[in-house]
């Protein structure tokens, strides 16, 4: 339980989902830009 409440534990827990969300928004932005060019 101590790992969850420590800042490093929070970073380790939430970093993968944050990176996944960031990559998803980046891909969506590129796809939207590609549709505008067409």
PDB file of N, CA and C in Angstrom:
ATOM      1  N   UNK A   1       0.818  -1.210   0.000  1.00  0.00           N
ATOM      2  CA  UNK A   1       0.000   0.000   0.000  1.00  0.00           C
ATOM      3  C   UNK A   1       0.860   1.272   0.000  1.00  0.00           C
ATOM      4  N   UNK A   2       2.060   1.176   0.561  1.00  0.00           N
ATOM      5  CA  UNK A   2       2.926   2.350   0.617  1.00  0.00           C
ATOM      6  C   UNK A   2       3.357   2.797  -0.769  1.00  0.00           C
ATOM      7  N   UNK A   3       3.493   1.835  -1.685  1.00  0.00           N
ATOM      8  CA  UNK A   3       3.927   2.172  -3.041  1.00  0.00           C
ATOM      9  C   UNK A   3       2.853   2.999  -3.751  1.00  0.00           C
ATOM     10  N   UNK A   4       1.586   2.682  -3.480  1.00  0.00           N
ATOM     11  CA  UNK A   4       0.490   3.379  -4.154  1.00  0.00           C
ATOM     12  C   UNK A   4       0.421   4.842  -3.711  1.00  0.00           C
ATOM     13  N   UNK A   5       0.697   5.100  -2.423  1.00  0.00           N
ATOM     14  CA  UNK A   5       0.554   6.459  -1.907  1.00  0.00           C
ATOM     15  C   UNK A   5       1.789   7.317  -2.124  1.00  0.00           C
ATOM     16  N   UNK A   6       2.899   6.696  -2.499  1.00  0.00           N
ATOM     17  CA  UNK A   6       4.098   7.484  -2.773  1.00  0.00           C
ATOM     18  C   UNK A   6       4.010   8.103  -4.166  1.00  0.00           C
ATOM     19  N   UNK A   7       4.599   9.269  -4.381  1.00  0.00           N
ATOM     20  CA  UNK A   7       4.553   9.931  -5.694  1.00  0.00           C
ATOM     21  C   UNK A   7       5.116   9.053  -6.809  1.00  0.00           C
ATOM     22  N   UNK A   8       6.201   8.347  -6.525  1.00  0.00           N
ATOM     23  CA  UNK A   8       6.797   7.483  -7.536  1.00  0.00           C
ATOM     24  C   UNK A   8       5.850   6.355  -7.912  1.00  0.00           C
ATOM     25  N   UNK A   9       5.135   5.818  -6.919  1.00  0.00           N
ATOM     26  CA  UNK A   9       4.162   4.765  -7.193  1.00  0.00           C
ATOM     27  C   UNK A   9       3.025   5.273  -8.069  1.00  0.00           C
ATOM     28  N   UNK A  10       2.595   6.495  -7.800  1.00  0.00           N
ATOM     29  CA  UNK A  10       1.529   7.100  -8.604  1.00  0.00           C
ATOM     30  C   UNK A  10       1.991   7.298 -10.042  1.00  0.00           C
ATOM     31  N   UNK A  11       3.235   7.749 -10.201  1.00  0.00           N
ATOM     32  CA  UNK A  11       3.790   7.947 -11.543  1.00  0.00           C
ATOM     33  C   UNK A  11       3.873   6.621 -12.284  1.00  0.00           C
ATOM     34  N   UNK A  12       4.342   5.579 -11.595  1.00  0.00           N
ATOM     35  CA  UNK A  12       4.471   4.263 -12.226  1.00  0.00           C
ATOM     36  C   UNK A  12       3.099   3.711 -12.609  1.00  0.00           C
ATOM     37  N   UNK A  13       2.085   3.995 -11.771  1.00  0.00           N
ATOM     38  CA  UNK A  13       0.748   3.485 -12.061  1.00  0.00           C
ATOM     39  C   UNK A  13       0.097   4.213 -13.237  1.00  0.00           C
ATOM     40  N   UNK A  14       0.269   5.529 -13.297  1.00  0.00           N
ATOM     41  CA  UNK A  14      -0.480   6.319 -14.274  1.00  0.00           C
ATOM     42  C   UNK A  14       0.285   6.654 -15.543  1.00  0.00           C
ATOM     43  N   UNK A  15       1.600   6.410 -15.557  1.00  0.00           N
ATOM     44  CA  UNK A  15       2.393   6.761 -16.730  1.00  0.00           C
ATOM     45  C   UNK A  15       2.010   5.952 -17.969  1.00  0.00           C
ATOM     46  N   UNK A  16       1.810   4.624 -17.886  1.00  0.00           N
ATOM     47  CA  UNK A  16       1.440   3.864 -19.090  1.00  0.00           C
ATOM     48  C   UNK A  16       0.129   4.340 -19.715  1.00  0.00           C
ATOM     49  N   UNK A  17      -0.899   4.578 -18.904  1.00  0.00           N
ATOM     50  CA  UNK A  17      -2.180   5.033 -19.454  1.00  0.00           C
ATOM     51  C   UNK A  17      -2.056   6.435 -20.032  1.00  0.00           C
ATOM     52  N   UNK A  18      -1.208   7.273 -19.414  1.00  0.00           N
ATOM     53  CA  UNK A  18      -1.006   8.634 -19.919  1.00  0.00           C
ATOM     54  C   UNK A  18      -0.295   8.609 -21.265  1.00  0.00           C
ATOM     55  N   UNK A  19       0.724   7.745 -21.390  1.00  0.00           N
ATOM     56  CA  UNK A  19       1.446   7.625 -22.660  1.00  0.00           C
ATOM     57  C   UNK A  19       0.516   7.073 -23.737  1.00  0.00           C
ATOM     58  N   UNK A  20      -0.315   6.092 -23.366  1.00  0.00           N
ATOM     59  CA  UNK A  20      -1.243   5.504 -24.327  1.00  0.00           C
ATOM     60  C   UNK A  20      -2.240   6.551 -24.816  1.00  0.00           C
ATOM     61  N   UNK A  21      -2.739   7.376 -23.891  1.00  0.00           N
ATOM     62  CA  UNK A  21      -3.685   8.428 -24.265  1.00  0.00           C
ATOM     63  C   UNK A  21      -3.013   9.471 -25.146  1.00  0.00           C
ATOM     64  N   UNK A  22      -1.748   9.782 -24.844  1.00  0.00           N
ATOM     65  CA  UNK A  22      -1.006  10.770 -25.621  1.00  0.00           C
ATOM     66  C   UNK A  22      -0.778  10.272 -27.042  1.00  0.00           C
ATOM     67  N   UNK A  23      -0.380   9.006 -27.187  1.00  0.00           N
ATOM     68  CA  UNK A  23      -0.165   8.429 -28.507  1.00  0.00           C
ATOM     69  C   UNK A  23      -1.474   8.376 -29.295  1.00  0.00           C
ATOM     70  N   UNK A  24      -2.581   8.050 -28.611  1.00  0.00           N
ATOM     71  CA  UNK A  24      -3.875   7.958 -29.281  1.00  0.00           C
ATOM     72  C   UNK A  24      -4.312   9.323 -29.800  1.00  0.00           C
ATOM     73  N   UNK A  25      -4.145  10.368 -28.998  1.00  0.00           N
ATOM     74  CA  UNK A  25      -4.534  11.713 -29.434  1.00  0.00           C
ATOM     75  C   UNK A  25      -3.639  12.190 -30.572  1.00  0.00           C
ATOM     76  N   UNK A  26      -2.363  11.775 -30.548  1.00  0.00           N
ATOM     77  CA  UNK A  26      -1.440  12.164 -31.610  1.00  0.00           C
ATOM     78  C   UNK A  26      -1.843  11.500 -32.924  1.00  0.00           C
ATOM     79  N   UNK A  27      -2.185  10.212 -32.858  1.00  0.00           N
ATOM     80  CA  UNK A  27      -2.615   9.498 -34.056  1.00  0.00           C
ATOM     81  C   UNK A  27      -3.917  10.086 -34.587  1.00  0.00           C
ATOM     82  N   UNK A  28      -4.832  10.442 -33.677  1.00  0.00           N
ATOM     83  CA  UNK A  28      -6.105  11.014 -34.095  1.00  0.00           C
ATOM     84  C   UNK A  28      -5.885  12.367 -34.765  1.00  0.00           C
ATOM     85  N   UNK A  29      -4.927  13.147 -34.243  1.00  0.00           N
ATOM     86  CA  UNK A  29      -4.631  14.459 -34.818  1.00  0.00           C
ATOM     87  C   UNK A  29      -4.064  14.307 -36.229  1.00  0.00           C
ATOM     88  N   UNK A  30      -3.157  13.348 -36.414  1.00  0.00           N
ATOM     89  CA  UNK A  30      -2.580  13.133 -37.739  1.00  0.00           C
ATOM     90  C   UNK A  30      -3.639  12.636 -38.719  1.00  0.00           C
ATOM     91  N   UNK A  31      -4.538  11.778 -38.264  1.00  0.00           N
ATOM     92  CA  UNK A  31      -5.596  11.251 -39.122  1.00  0.00           C
ATOM     93  C   UNK A  31      -6.547  12.370 -39.538  1.00  0.00           C
ATOM     94  N   UNK A  32      -6.880  13.260 -38.598  1.00  0.00           N
ATOM     95  CA  UNK A  32      -7.772  14.378 -38.889  1.00  0.00           C
ATOM     96  C   UNK A  32      -7.113  15.336 -39.881  1.00  0.00           C
ATOM     97  N   UNK A  33      -5.814  15.568 -39.717  1.00  0.00           N
ATOM     98  CA  UNK A  33      -5.073  16.440 -40.622  1.00  0.00           C
ATOM     99  C   UNK A  33      -5.021  15.823 -42.019  1.00  0.00           C
ATOM    100  N   UNK A  34      -4.869  14.510 -42.078  1.00  0.00           N
ATOM    101  CA  UNK A  34      -4.830  13.810 -43.359  1.00  0.00           C
ATOM    102  C   UNK A  34      -6.181  13.916 -44.071  1.00  0.00           C
ATOM    103  N   UNK A  35      -7.269  13.851 -43.305  1.00  0.00           N
ATOM    104  CA  UNK A  35      -8.594  13.972 -43.906  1.00  0.00           C
ATOM    105  C   UNK A  35      -8.832  15.381 -44.436  1.00  0.00           C
ATOM    106  N   UNK A  36      -8.254  16.374 -43.781  1.00  0.00           N
ATOM    107  CA  UNK A  36      -8.424  17.752 -44.252  1.00  0.00           C
ATOM    108  C   UNK A  36      -7.683  17.976 -45.572  1.00  0.00           C
ATOM    109  N   UNK A  37      -6.549  17.309 -45.737  1.00  0.00           N
ATOM    110  CA  UNK A  37      -5.763  17.482 -46.961  1.00  0.00           C
ATOM    111  C   UNK A  37      -6.499  16.880 -48.155  1.00  0.00           C
ATOM    112  N   UNK A  38      -7.145  15.752 -47.931  1.00  0.00           N
ATOM    113  CA  UNK A  38      -7.833  15.070 -49.025  1.00  0.00           C
ATOM    114  C   UNK A  38      -8.940  15.934 -49.622  1.00  0.00           C
TER     115      UNK A  38
END
